[in-house]
Each structure stands twice: as C-alpha cells, then as structure tokens.
Amino acid sequence: MTETRTSDRTATLFDASSLGGLRLPNRVVMAPMTRVRSEDRGLATASMAAYYAQRASAGLIVSEGIQPNRVGQSNPGTPGLHTDEQTASWRQVTSAVHTNGGRIFAQIMHGGRISHPDTTGMRPVGPSAVAARDARVFTPGGLRPAPVPRALSTEEAAAEALSYAAAAERAIDAGFDGVELHGANGYLIGQFLSSNANLRTDAYGGSVEGRIRFAVEAVAATVEAVGAERVGIRLSPGAGIWDAIDEDVPGLYGALLAALAPIGPAYVHLEATADEPTLLGLRRAWPGTLIVNPSDPQSPVPADRKAAEHWLDLGADLVSFGRAFIANPDLVERLRADLPLEEADRSFYYQGGDTGYLTYPPFRY
C-alpha cells in the first residue's frame, strides 16, 4: 500500500479539488439518493435531467442508484443501465448537468436480496438463501416481507460482479464522468461483506478474504472497463441496514481497503455509520481520495456545514450531503453564505411527479 495521506487542514469546503481527471470547483458532493422518478422501463426522464441540472453547482453529483440488470432492481420506479434505450435516456441528464457546469457519476446499485418478484418478475438473488429479518421491501403493490433469495452459484457470483463493469461502460457511453459502485446500506456488495447474509463456504464466503472478494472483483472489473480515475465505491461500515450485519468492522473494512488500494479507484465514499475512531482508522488505511458523508442514513438529522468542516479537519478530501440537497438545489451557495436551509417534505421523497422534486426554488440572494 502507498503512504497514507494526511489531512490538508488549510482546505475549506469551498476550495477547488481534483478527482481522477476532473477538476472540482468545491469539495461539496451531492450524495446518491433514490427518488423513484424513472419511467416504467427504467428510463431517465426530462424531469430527472432538470433535477440534477438544478444541483450542478456541487463539486460532484453522484446519481441515484441505477440497476445494472433486471434482477438487480431493488425498488419499483428506479432507473437502469442495461438496455440501449436506458443508456440513451441518460444522455439528457448528463448533457443538462454538463451544460450547467457540473460533473456527475452514476451510482451502480445491485439490490441483491432486497428486491421482490412483484417488482422484477424474478426471484431475488444473494450470497446465501437468507432473507433480511423483519424487513419489508417496496413493491408496486406496497410493502411486502423480504423474500428468501436464491443463492448465487460460484460462477453466477463472478458474473454478477462483472455486471457493475458492463453498466459502467454504458454509463460512460451515456456521458457520465464516472461511476460509483454501491457497496453500502445492505445491498448486494454489502450482503457479501456481511457475516449473517453471507453463509457461503466457497471462495466468496467464510473468511474475511472470501467475504471481500465480490467487492474487490466488482471494482477491479469496473476499473479495467472504464479506467481507475472514473471509478469509486461507497461503503457503510457497521451500518446493519437491511439486516446485513458486519463482524469486526475495522478488520473487515481495513482488509477491503488494503485490497482495493493497488487497484487504484478514484475514491472511497464512507458513510459515518461507525464510531469516529473506526472511521479515522479507515482514513489512515486508505491512501487515496476519501469522501465522507457525515450523516448516518438512519439518523433524522442531515449533515450541515459544521459536520462537513469537522471531517475535512479529520482528513476527508470531499464531503457529501444527501437530504440537504433535496430542498436546497443551491446548497453550495447556502453553505458558503451561512444561509438557512429549507427542510424537505418527506411525503414527496418517493411519490413520483415533480412536486417535492423540482419545486424547491433557489434562495433569493
């Protein structure tokens, strides 16, 4: 592993930075957030193009999760990157963001066992035939108990790891500046990392080396497909979301970062789902660019400027904001001027339509 980076304590949230081959005008990242506004065939829409373009002042936008294949779809109303029609539909989004001066990565998200046949017409897949306990998943007919997934064979697991790379190639063709693999929040990569979702005894399970293998292969394949400077991965150490429980978080994620370092992805994106000493240990373990999302996704309190500056002081290179961007399309300028932030109406998070999506106006300065 290369020498660990140290904090640039003179950096501010509004200083320019570099990421791979991109020059970012500030260190504010728009975090990926599911908004279920896609067309029925998983197509991006004109409203989605307007939504992301409104937020193009972010140093980097990471899109909502985009499924790499049909079985990888977690929720109804989410977009895909596995057909020519889907790929073409994203060009209006990337063009709108670029026209407004922004940069955008596509988040590639395979739901694994967090899906339902009513959504995809297929039985969900996972590392093992173990359902998420006490979990109810979204379907076109409402919430349903999480089904028992079909365990992937060794050969199928290897193929699903390659699905991220195939989607990444489509993303670049659609005009995205890069991709982020969704390894957080209990979806397929996180399920392989988990000790209770992954009960395998083959090369993809058992030891820490086995449980990180799927993530490492997915990143390596994607780097080979589109270039290291265009690839990141998001992780949520110890989060336990969707009943994907991690054992020995420092050891597991330290081993994963050590295995990813020689592959050289552009960044690692950590959610603040572990205690601060653990996260600082992972900062020391990762020699490359680190994005930190200071707000635990299970906390009702979104990240703010104070939390962002705290993590810059602790060694983060970039800081991501999620929910704050929903009601504040001009979040960067609001943070810069210490202006009050609007609060989003949660009832419109996943309801479809433009209300609560495109209807938050910028602040009148």
Protein backbone atom coordinates (compact mmCIF):
# COMPACT_ATOMS: atom_id res chain seq x y z
CA MET A 1 0.00 0.00 0.00
CA THR A 2 1.19 3.52 -0.72
CA GLU A 3 1.85 6.02 2.02
CA THR A 4 -1.27 7.17 3.84
CA ARG A 5 -2.47 10.66 3.02
CA THR A 6 -2.60 13.25 5.77
CA SER A 7 -5.21 15.94 6.28
CA ASP A 8 -4.89 19.22 4.41
CA ARG A 9 -6.06 21.32 7.32
CA THR A 10 -5.91 24.52 5.28
CA ALA A 11 -8.58 23.23 2.87
CA THR A 12 -12.09 24.58 3.12
CA LEU A 13 -15.37 23.22 1.83
CA PHE A 14 -15.31 25.78 -0.98
CA ASP A 15 -11.78 25.24 -2.28
CA ALA A 16 -11.21 23.58 -5.62
CA SER A 17 -10.02 19.99 -5.65
CA SER A 18 -9.15 17.26 -8.12
CA LEU A 19 -10.71 13.83 -8.53
CA GLY A 20 -9.27 11.48 -11.10
CA GLY A 21 -9.17 13.52 -14.27
CA LEU A 22 -11.75 16.06 -13.04
CA ARG A 23 -11.22 19.48 -11.53
CA LEU A 24 -13.91 20.15 -8.91
CA PRO A 25 -14.77 23.78 -8.09
CA ASN A 26 -15.56 22.90 -4.47
CA ARG A 27 -15.45 19.94 -2.08
CA VAL A 28 -19.22 19.50 -1.78
CA VAL A 29 -20.57 16.23 -3.18
CA MET A 30 -24.24 15.51 -3.76
CA ALA A 31 -24.73 12.04 -2.33
CA PRO A 32 -26.78 9.39 -4.17
CA MET A 33 -30.46 9.35 -3.18
CA THR A 34 -33.24 7.16 -4.52
CA ARG A 35 -36.13 9.33 -5.77
CA VAL A 36 -38.09 6.74 -7.86
CA ARG A 37 -38.93 9.10 -10.71
CA SER A 38 -37.90 6.96 -13.67
CA GLU A 39 -40.22 5.85 -16.48
CA ASP A 40 -41.69 2.33 -16.34
CA ARG A 41 -38.96 0.77 -18.49
CA GLY A 42 -36.26 2.15 -16.21
CA LEU A 43 -35.69 5.21 -18.38
CA ALA A 44 -34.35 8.54 -17.18
CA THR A 45 -36.78 11.42 -17.82
CA ALA A 46 -36.73 15.13 -18.62
CA SER A 47 -37.72 15.84 -15.01
CA MET A 48 -34.69 13.89 -13.81
CA ALA A 49 -32.49 15.94 -16.13
CA ALA A 50 -33.91 19.15 -14.65
CA TYR A 51 -33.48 17.85 -11.07
CA TYR A 52 -29.79 17.09 -11.46
CA ALA A 53 -29.11 20.23 -13.52
CA GLN A 54 -30.56 22.35 -10.71
CA ARG A 55 -27.87 20.94 -8.41
CA ALA A 56 -24.91 21.22 -10.81
CA SER A 57 -23.07 23.71 -8.57
CA ALA A 58 -21.97 20.75 -6.42
CA GLY A 59 -18.33 19.82 -6.90
CA LEU A 60 -19.60 16.37 -7.88
CA ILE A 61 -23.04 14.81 -8.21
CA VAL A 62 -23.48 11.08 -7.60
CA SER A 63 -26.73 9.90 -9.13
CA GLU A 64 -29.42 7.81 -7.55
CA GLY A 65 -28.80 4.07 -7.59
CA ILE A 66 -29.07 2.60 -11.10
CA GLN A 67 -29.58 -1.15 -11.53
CA PRO A 68 -27.04 -2.97 -13.72
CA ASN A 69 -29.51 -5.69 -14.73
CA ARG A 70 -33.14 -6.65 -14.21
CA VAL A 71 -32.57 -8.92 -11.22
CA GLY A 72 -30.57 -6.14 -9.57
CA GLN A 73 -33.55 -3.78 -9.36
CA SER A 74 -34.49 -3.16 -5.74
CA ASN A 75 -37.44 -0.76 -5.89
CA PRO A 76 -40.12 -0.01 -8.48
CA GLY A 77 -39.61 3.29 -10.28
CA THR A 78 -35.82 3.14 -10.28
CA PRO A 79 -33.72 3.57 -13.43
CA GLY A 80 -31.46 1.10 -15.18
CA LEU A 81 -28.33 0.95 -17.31
CA HIS A 82 -28.69 -2.41 -19.01
CA THR A 83 -30.56 -1.67 -22.25
CA ASP A 84 -29.76 0.59 -25.18
CA GLU A 85 -32.95 2.57 -24.52
CA GLN A 86 -31.98 3.18 -20.90
CA THR A 87 -28.47 4.23 -21.91
CA ALA A 88 -29.82 6.72 -24.44
CA SER A 89 -32.27 8.15 -21.90
CA TRP A 90 -29.45 9.17 -19.56
CA ARG A 91 -27.82 11.42 -22.18
CA GLN A 92 -30.37 14.15 -21.50
CA VAL A 93 -29.36 14.05 -17.81
CA THR A 94 -25.62 14.17 -18.31
CA SER A 95 -25.95 16.83 -21.01
CA ALA A 96 -28.09 19.04 -18.74
CA VAL A 97 -25.61 18.73 -15.86
CA HIS A 98 -22.63 19.48 -18.10
CA THR A 99 -24.42 22.44 -19.72
CA ASN A 100 -24.87 23.88 -16.23
CA GLY A 101 -21.17 23.39 -15.49
CA GLY A 102 -21.46 20.26 -13.36
CA ARG A 103 -19.89 16.82 -13.11
CA ILE A 104 -21.85 13.61 -12.48
CA PHE A 105 -21.03 9.99 -11.63
CA ALA A 106 -23.60 7.20 -11.98
CA GLN A 107 -24.11 5.07 -8.90
CA ILE A 108 -24.37 1.41 -9.92
CA MET A 109 -26.63 -0.36 -7.43
CA HIS A 110 -27.49 -4.07 -7.39
CA GLY A 111 -30.16 -4.72 -4.77
CA GLY A 112 -29.39 -8.41 -4.32
CA ARG A 113 -31.85 -9.91 -1.84
CA ILE A 114 -33.52 -6.51 -1.21
CA SER A 115 -35.99 -6.90 -4.04
CA HIS A 116 -39.20 -8.78 -4.82
CA PRO A 117 -40.65 -10.85 -7.70
CA ASP A 118 -43.57 -8.39 -7.89
CA THR A 119 -41.04 -5.71 -8.89
CA THR A 120 -38.78 -7.61 -11.28
CA GLY A 121 -40.70 -10.76 -12.22
CA MET A 122 -37.68 -12.67 -10.92
CA ARG A 123 -36.66 -14.23 -7.62
CA PRO A 124 -34.06 -12.02 -5.94
CA VAL A 125 -30.51 -13.33 -5.67
CA GLY A 126 -27.98 -13.07 -2.87
CA PRO A 127 -24.86 -14.66 -1.49
CA SER A 128 -26.98 -17.14 0.51
CA ALA A 129 -30.61 -18.20 0.73
CA VAL A 130 -31.20 -15.98 3.77
CA ALA A 131 -33.92 -13.33 3.89
CA ALA A 132 -33.42 -9.99 5.60
CA ARG A 133 -35.04 -10.43 9.01
CA ASP A 134 -38.08 -8.30 9.89
CA ALA A 135 -37.68 -6.36 6.63
CA ARG A 136 -40.41 -5.20 4.26
CA VAL A 137 -39.41 -4.22 0.74
CA PHE A 138 -41.10 -1.84 -1.69
CA THR A 139 -43.16 -3.40 -4.50
CA PRO A 140 -45.69 -2.00 -7.00
CA GLY A 141 -48.42 -3.23 -4.64
CA GLY A 142 -46.94 -1.75 -1.47
CA LEU A 143 -44.63 -3.08 1.20
CA ARG A 144 -44.10 -6.85 1.28
CA PRO A 145 -41.96 -9.09 3.52
CA ALA A 146 -38.45 -9.52 2.15
CA PRO A 147 -38.37 -12.85 0.29
CA VAL A 148 -35.77 -15.58 0.64
CA PRO A 149 -33.31 -15.01 -2.20
CA ARG A 150 -31.83 -17.64 -4.45
CA ALA A 151 -28.19 -18.24 -3.55
CA LEU A 152 -25.86 -17.46 -6.43
CA SER A 153 -23.58 -20.26 -7.58
CA THR A 154 -19.85 -19.56 -7.63
CA GLU A 155 -19.99 -18.93 -11.35
CA GLU A 156 -23.05 -16.71 -11.03
CA ALA A 157 -21.41 -14.65 -8.28
CA ALA A 158 -18.48 -13.96 -10.57
CA ALA A 159 -20.89 -12.93 -13.33
CA GLU A 160 -22.83 -10.57 -11.07
CA ALA A 161 -19.55 -8.90 -10.09
CA LEU A 162 -18.95 -8.25 -13.79
CA SER A 163 -22.41 -6.68 -14.15
CA TYR A 164 -21.11 -3.48 -12.50
CA ALA A 165 -18.46 -3.16 -15.21
CA ALA A 166 -20.98 -3.67 -18.00
CA ALA A 167 -23.23 -0.95 -16.55
CA ALA A 168 -20.21 1.33 -16.13
CA GLU A 169 -19.41 1.04 -19.84
CA ARG A 170 -22.97 2.06 -20.61
CA ALA A 171 -22.70 4.95 -18.14
CA ILE A 172 -19.64 6.36 -19.90
CA ASP A 173 -21.40 5.94 -23.25
CA ALA A 174 -24.32 7.92 -21.77
CA GLY A 175 -22.00 10.79 -20.86
CA PHE A 176 -21.39 10.22 -17.16
CA ASP A 177 -17.97 11.35 -15.91
CA GLY A 178 -17.56 8.14 -13.92
CA VAL A 179 -19.34 5.60 -11.73
CA GLU A 180 -19.70 4.79 -8.06
CA LEU A 181 -20.31 1.18 -7.02
CA HIS A 182 -22.94 0.98 -4.27
CA GLY A 183 -21.26 -1.15 -1.63
CA ALA A 184 -23.26 0.37 1.24
CA ASN A 185 -26.59 0.03 3.03
CA GLY A 186 -27.07 -3.72 2.81
CA TYR A 187 -27.36 -4.19 -0.96
CA LEU A 188 -25.54 -6.92 -2.90
CA ILE A 189 -21.93 -5.90 -2.25
CA GLY A 190 -22.77 -5.29 1.40
CA GLN A 191 -24.52 -8.66 1.57
CA PHE A 192 -21.32 -10.41 0.51
CA LEU A 193 -19.39 -8.46 3.17
CA SER A 194 -21.92 -9.40 5.85
CA SER A 195 -21.40 -12.33 8.19
CA ASN A 196 -25.12 -13.10 8.56
CA ALA A 197 -26.24 -12.56 4.95
CA ASN A 198 -23.24 -14.44 3.55
CA LEU A 199 -23.06 -18.03 4.84
CA ARG A 200 -21.07 -19.34 1.87
CA THR A 201 -18.20 -21.79 2.14
CA ASP A 202 -16.75 -21.23 -1.35
CA ALA A 203 -14.29 -18.53 -2.46
CA TYR A 204 -16.90 -15.80 -1.88
CA GLY A 205 -17.55 -16.53 1.79
CA GLY A 206 -16.21 -17.75 5.10
CA SER A 207 -13.04 -15.80 5.82
CA VAL A 208 -12.63 -12.04 5.55
CA GLU A 209 -10.68 -12.64 2.35
CA GLY A 210 -13.64 -14.56 0.95
CA ARG A 211 -16.26 -12.01 2.00
CA ILE A 212 -14.42 -9.07 0.43
CA ARG A 213 -13.77 -10.97 -2.82
CA PHE A 214 -17.02 -9.95 -4.54
CA ALA A 215 -16.43 -6.23 -3.85
CA VAL A 216 -12.82 -6.43 -4.99
CA GLU A 217 -13.71 -8.26 -8.21
CA ALA A 218 -16.52 -5.79 -8.97
CA VAL A 219 -14.19 -2.80 -8.53
CA ALA A 220 -11.34 -4.44 -10.46
CA ALA A 221 -13.60 -5.33 -13.39
CA THR A 222 -15.04 -1.81 -13.47
CA VAL A 223 -11.60 -0.21 -13.34
CA GLU A 224 -10.50 -2.42 -16.22
CA ALA A 225 -13.61 -1.47 -18.19
CA VAL A 226 -13.60 2.33 -17.80
CA GLY A 227 -10.37 3.34 -16.05
CA ALA A 228 -9.48 3.79 -12.39
CA GLU A 229 -9.94 7.57 -12.49
CA ARG A 230 -13.63 7.02 -13.30
CA VAL A 231 -14.47 4.56 -10.50
CA GLY A 232 -15.41 5.00 -6.84
CA ILE A 233 -17.10 2.83 -4.23
CA ARG A 234 -19.47 3.74 -1.40
CA LEU A 235 -19.35 1.84 1.91
CA SER A 236 -21.28 1.97 5.19
CA PRO A 237 -19.11 0.19 7.79
CA GLY A 238 -21.14 -1.47 10.53
CA ALA A 239 -24.43 0.11 9.46
CA GLY A 240 -26.53 -3.08 9.72
CA ILE A 241 -29.05 -1.68 7.22
CA TRP A 242 -31.40 -4.26 5.70
CA ASP A 243 -30.10 -6.76 8.28
CA ALA A 244 -26.64 -7.00 6.71
CA ILE A 245 -24.52 -7.29 9.84
CA ASP A 246 -20.75 -6.80 9.71
CA GLU A 247 -18.42 -8.54 12.17
CA ASP A 248 -15.09 -6.94 13.15
CA VAL A 249 -15.71 -3.74 11.23
CA PRO A 250 -12.12 -2.41 11.49
CA GLY A 251 -10.68 -5.73 10.34
CA LEU A 252 -13.20 -6.34 7.55
CA TYR A 253 -13.10 -2.88 6.03
CA GLY A 254 -9.38 -2.47 6.64
CA ALA A 255 -8.81 -5.64 4.61
CA LEU A 256 -11.14 -4.40 1.89
CA LEU A 257 -9.35 -1.05 1.59
CA ALA A 258 -5.98 -2.80 1.54
CA ALA A 259 -7.17 -5.00 -1.34
CA LEU A 260 -8.62 -2.03 -3.25
CA ALA A 261 -5.57 0.23 -2.87
CA PRO A 262 -3.42 -1.42 -5.59
CA ILE A 263 -6.42 -1.39 -7.97
CA GLY A 264 -6.45 2.39 -7.53
CA PRO A 265 -10.08 3.57 -7.79
CA ALA A 266 -10.56 7.33 -7.77
CA TYR A 267 -12.16 7.40 -4.33
CA VAL A 268 -13.77 5.63 -1.42
CA HIS A 269 -17.02 7.16 -0.14
CA LEU A 270 -17.66 6.35 3.54
CA GLU A 271 -20.93 6.89 5.36
CA ALA A 272 -20.46 7.83 9.02
CA THR A 273 -22.12 4.63 10.20
CA ALA A 274 -19.32 3.53 12.54
CA ASP A 275 -17.83 5.33 15.52
CA GLU A 276 -15.33 8.07 14.82
CA PRO A 277 -12.20 6.14 15.92
CA THR A 278 -13.11 3.34 13.49
CA LEU A 279 -13.67 5.78 10.66
CA LEU A 280 -10.37 7.53 11.43
CA GLY A 281 -8.64 4.16 11.26
CA LEU A 282 -10.12 3.61 7.82
CA ARG A 283 -8.97 7.09 6.77
CA ARG A 284 -5.44 6.11 7.76
CA ALA A 285 -5.79 2.81 5.91
CA TRP A 286 -6.91 4.38 2.64
CA PRO A 287 -4.14 6.11 0.64
CA GLY A 288 -6.40 7.78 -1.90
CA THR A 289 -9.18 10.33 -2.06
CA LEU A 290 -11.80 9.93 0.67
CA ILE A 291 -15.35 11.26 0.58
CA VAL A 292 -17.17 11.22 3.91
CA ASN A 293 -20.92 11.55 4.38
CA PRO A 294 -21.19 12.85 7.96
CA SER A 295 -24.85 11.95 8.47
CA ASP A 296 -25.80 8.40 9.41
CA PRO A 297 -28.59 7.46 6.94
CA GLN A 298 -30.65 6.14 9.86
CA SER A 299 -30.41 9.47 11.71
CA PRO A 300 -33.20 12.06 11.30
CA VAL A 301 -30.60 14.85 11.32
CA PRO A 302 -28.97 15.68 7.96
CA ALA A 303 -25.38 16.81 7.63
CA ASP A 304 -24.56 20.51 7.93
CA ARG A 305 -21.57 22.78 7.34
CA LYS A 306 -20.18 22.24 10.84
CA ALA A 307 -20.16 18.47 10.39
CA ALA A 308 -18.54 18.85 6.97
CA GLU A 309 -15.74 21.08 8.25
CA HIS A 310 -15.15 18.67 11.13
CA TRP A 311 -14.49 15.85 8.66
CA LEU A 312 -12.27 17.99 6.47
CA ASP A 313 -10.19 18.65 9.59
CA LEU A 314 -10.05 14.90 10.25
CA GLY A 315 -8.71 14.09 6.80
CA ALA A 316 -11.63 13.81 4.40
CA ASP A 317 -10.90 15.24 0.96
CA LEU A 318 -14.54 15.79 -0.01
CA VAL A 319 -17.80 15.80 1.97
CA SER A 320 -21.14 14.56 0.68
CA PHE A 321 -24.59 15.85 1.54
CA GLY A 322 -27.76 13.91 0.84
CA ARG A 323 -31.09 15.10 2.24
CA ALA A 324 -29.92 18.72 2.44
CA PHE A 325 -29.75 18.78 -1.38
CA ILE A 326 -33.40 17.76 -1.80
CA ALA A 327 -34.92 21.07 -0.66
CA ASN A 328 -31.84 23.17 -1.38
CA PRO A 329 -30.78 22.86 -5.03
CA ASP A 330 -28.38 25.77 -4.41
CA LEU A 331 -26.90 24.11 -1.33
CA VAL A 332 -23.31 25.12 -2.08
CA GLU A 333 -24.14 28.83 -2.05
CA ARG A 334 -26.34 28.50 1.02
CA LEU A 335 -23.50 26.82 2.87
CA ARG A 336 -20.99 29.38 1.64
CA ALA A 337 -23.15 32.29 2.83
CA ASP A 338 -24.33 30.55 6.03
CA LEU A 339 -27.92 30.90 4.89
CA PRO A 340 -30.73 28.87 6.44
CA LEU A 341 -31.55 25.55 4.81
CA GLU A 342 -35.03 24.60 3.72
CA GLU A 343 -36.44 21.31 5.01
CA ALA A 344 -37.75 18.79 2.51
CA ASP A 345 -41.26 17.40 2.72
CA ARG A 346 -40.66 13.71 3.34
CA SER A 347 -44.07 12.75 1.98
CA PHE A 348 -42.75 13.52 -1.53
CA TYR A 349 -39.46 11.60 -1.27
CA TYR A 350 -40.75 8.57 -3.18
CA GLN A 351 -44.14 9.66 -4.52
CA GLY A 352 -43.25 10.38 -8.12
CA GLY A 353 -44.14 13.55 -10.01
CA ASP A 354 -42.47 16.95 -9.93
CA THR A 355 -43.94 18.21 -6.64
CA GLY A 356 -41.30 17.93 -3.95
CA TYR A 357 -38.79 17.18 -6.70
CA LEU A 358 -38.47 20.24 -8.92
CA THR A 359 -40.49 22.67 -6.79
CA TYR A 360 -37.85 23.84 -4.29
CA PRO A 361 -36.76 27.28 -5.53
CA PRO A 362 -33.27 28.70 -5.01
CA PHE A 363 -32.77 31.29 -2.27
CA ARG A 364 -33.37 34.91 -3.34
CA TYR A 365 -29.97 36.40 -2.50
